[in-house]
Amino acid sequence: MRGYKKYTINDYEITEDGEVINKHNGHVVKPQPNSKGYLRVSIGGKLKFVHRLVAEKYIPNPENKPQVNHKNCIKTDNRIENLEWVTNQENRNHMVANGLASNQYIKKKKKST
């Protein structure tokens, strides 16, 4: 296809509020929710989670934690102040503490003998 350019992540601005803006034309990319309610955008033919894009750009992750948590439990609220890097266990604990999952998500500690 002539004149078609496949954009990469470098062709977009990610705002602190979770907007993804095409740097070439100024258009805001409309995110689409996945089946679990998390917002995604298509960049370079790949779907990217908006909360992860915001966290990777603005939130330091010195402990190299693998997941991004929505502090207020609203999956569409991708503002930087609502996001934090967490471990899988921290994310599960947050879900249980906020009534989003049952205690089955918390790993049981082994009793010392």
Protein backbone atom coordinates (compact mmCIF):
# COMPACT_ATOMS: atom_id res chain seq x y z
CA MET A 1 0.00 0.00 0.00
CA ARG A 2 1.57 3.28 -1.09
CA GLY A 3 1.79 6.15 1.34
CA TYR A 4 0.93 3.94 4.32
CA LYS A 5 3.23 4.26 7.30
CA LYS A 6 3.12 1.74 10.09
CA TYR A 7 3.42 3.79 13.27
CA THR A 8 5.41 2.71 16.32
CA ILE A 9 5.10 3.73 19.96
CA ASN A 10 7.53 6.60 19.23
CA ASP A 11 4.89 8.17 16.96
CA TYR A 12 2.52 8.68 19.90
CA GLU A 13 2.42 10.90 22.95
CA ILE A 14 1.15 9.28 26.14
CA THR A 15 -0.32 11.82 28.56
CA GLU A 16 -0.39 11.66 32.36
CA ASP A 17 -4.17 11.23 32.10
CA GLY A 18 -3.92 8.19 29.84
CA GLU A 19 -4.61 9.75 26.47
CA VAL A 20 -2.69 8.38 23.49
CA ILE A 21 -2.14 11.06 20.84
CA ASN A 22 -0.76 10.58 17.34
CA LYS A 23 2.17 13.04 17.07
CA HIS A 24 1.77 13.37 13.29
CA ASN A 25 -1.86 14.45 13.10
CA GLY A 26 -2.77 15.32 16.73
CA HIS A 27 -5.63 12.81 16.84
CA VAL A 28 -6.42 11.12 20.12
CA VAL A 29 -6.51 7.36 19.65
CA LYS A 30 -9.81 5.96 20.85
CA PRO A 31 -9.16 3.11 23.30
CA GLN A 32 -11.29 -0.03 23.26
CA PRO A 33 -12.04 -2.13 26.35
CA ASN A 34 -10.98 -5.76 26.37
CA SER A 35 -13.22 -8.49 27.81
CA LYS A 36 -12.06 -7.65 31.36
CA GLY A 37 -12.66 -3.91 31.02
CA TYR A 38 -9.05 -2.70 30.58
CA LEU A 39 -8.55 -0.08 27.86
CA ARG A 40 -6.31 -0.90 24.91
CA VAL A 41 -5.10 0.97 21.84
CA SER A 42 -3.70 -0.35 18.59
CA ILE A 43 -0.16 0.83 17.87
CA GLY A 44 1.78 -0.61 14.96
CA GLY A 45 -0.78 -3.37 14.58
CA LYS A 46 -0.40 -4.50 18.21
CA LEU A 47 -2.83 -3.93 21.07
CA LYS A 48 -1.29 -2.14 24.04
CA PHE A 49 -2.84 -1.61 27.47
CA VAL A 50 -3.19 2.11 28.20
CA HIS A 51 -2.43 1.73 31.92
CA ARG A 52 0.84 -0.02 31.09
CA LEU A 53 1.85 2.69 28.58
CA VAL A 54 1.25 5.39 31.20
CA ALA A 55 3.14 3.49 33.91
CA GLU A 56 6.09 2.73 31.64
CA LYS A 57 6.41 6.40 30.69
CA TYR A 58 5.80 8.14 34.01
CA ILE A 59 6.16 5.81 37.00
CA PRO A 60 9.61 4.62 38.07
CA ASN A 61 9.88 0.87 38.63
CA PRO A 62 13.20 0.38 40.45
CA GLU A 63 12.15 -3.03 41.82
CA ASN A 64 11.16 -4.20 38.33
CA LYS A 65 7.64 -5.17 39.42
CA PRO A 66 5.76 -6.85 36.56
CA GLN A 67 2.18 -5.57 36.91
CA VAL A 68 0.37 -2.24 37.03
CA ASN A 69 -2.42 -1.82 39.59
CA HIS A 70 -5.34 0.63 39.47
CA LYS A 71 -5.37 1.95 43.05
CA ASN A 72 -9.06 2.94 42.97
CA CYS A 73 -10.09 -0.33 41.23
CA ILE A 74 -11.49 1.53 38.21
CA LYS A 75 -9.93 -0.18 35.20
CA THR A 76 -10.61 2.75 32.89
CA ASP A 77 -8.98 5.34 35.18
CA ASN A 78 -5.49 5.46 33.72
CA ARG A 79 -4.30 8.67 35.38
CA ILE A 80 -0.74 8.40 36.69
CA GLU A 81 -1.87 9.11 40.28
CA ASN A 82 -4.14 6.06 40.10
CA LEU A 83 -1.47 3.62 38.92
CA GLU A 84 1.32 1.80 40.71
CA TRP A 85 3.75 -1.00 39.94
CA VAL A 86 3.04 -4.18 41.92
CA THR A 87 3.99 -7.83 42.13
CA ASN A 88 1.44 -10.45 41.21
CA GLN A 89 0.85 -11.14 44.91
CA GLU A 90 0.41 -7.44 45.74
CA ASN A 91 -2.11 -7.18 42.91
CA ARG A 92 -4.03 -10.21 44.20
CA ASN A 93 -4.01 -8.86 47.77
CA HIS A 94 -5.39 -5.55 46.48
CA MET A 95 -8.18 -7.39 44.64
CA VAL A 96 -9.18 -9.32 47.77
CA ALA A 97 -8.96 -6.26 50.04
CA ASN A 98 -11.29 -4.38 47.70
CA GLY A 99 -13.80 -7.19 47.23
CA LEU A 100 -12.84 -7.90 43.63
CA ALA A 101 -11.75 -11.48 44.33
CA SER A 102 -12.13 -14.11 47.00
CA ASN A 103 -9.46 -15.18 49.46
CA GLN A 104 -8.48 -18.01 47.10
CA TYR A 105 -6.15 -15.46 45.47
CA ILE A 106 -4.03 -15.04 48.60
CA LYS A 107 -1.24 -17.55 48.89
CA LYS A 108 -1.41 -19.36 52.21
CA LYS A 109 1.75 -19.10 54.28
CA LYS A 110 3.18 -22.40 55.47
CA LYS A 111 3.03 -22.89 59.21
CA SER A 112 6.42 -23.12 60.92
CA THR A 113 6.95 -26.20 63.06
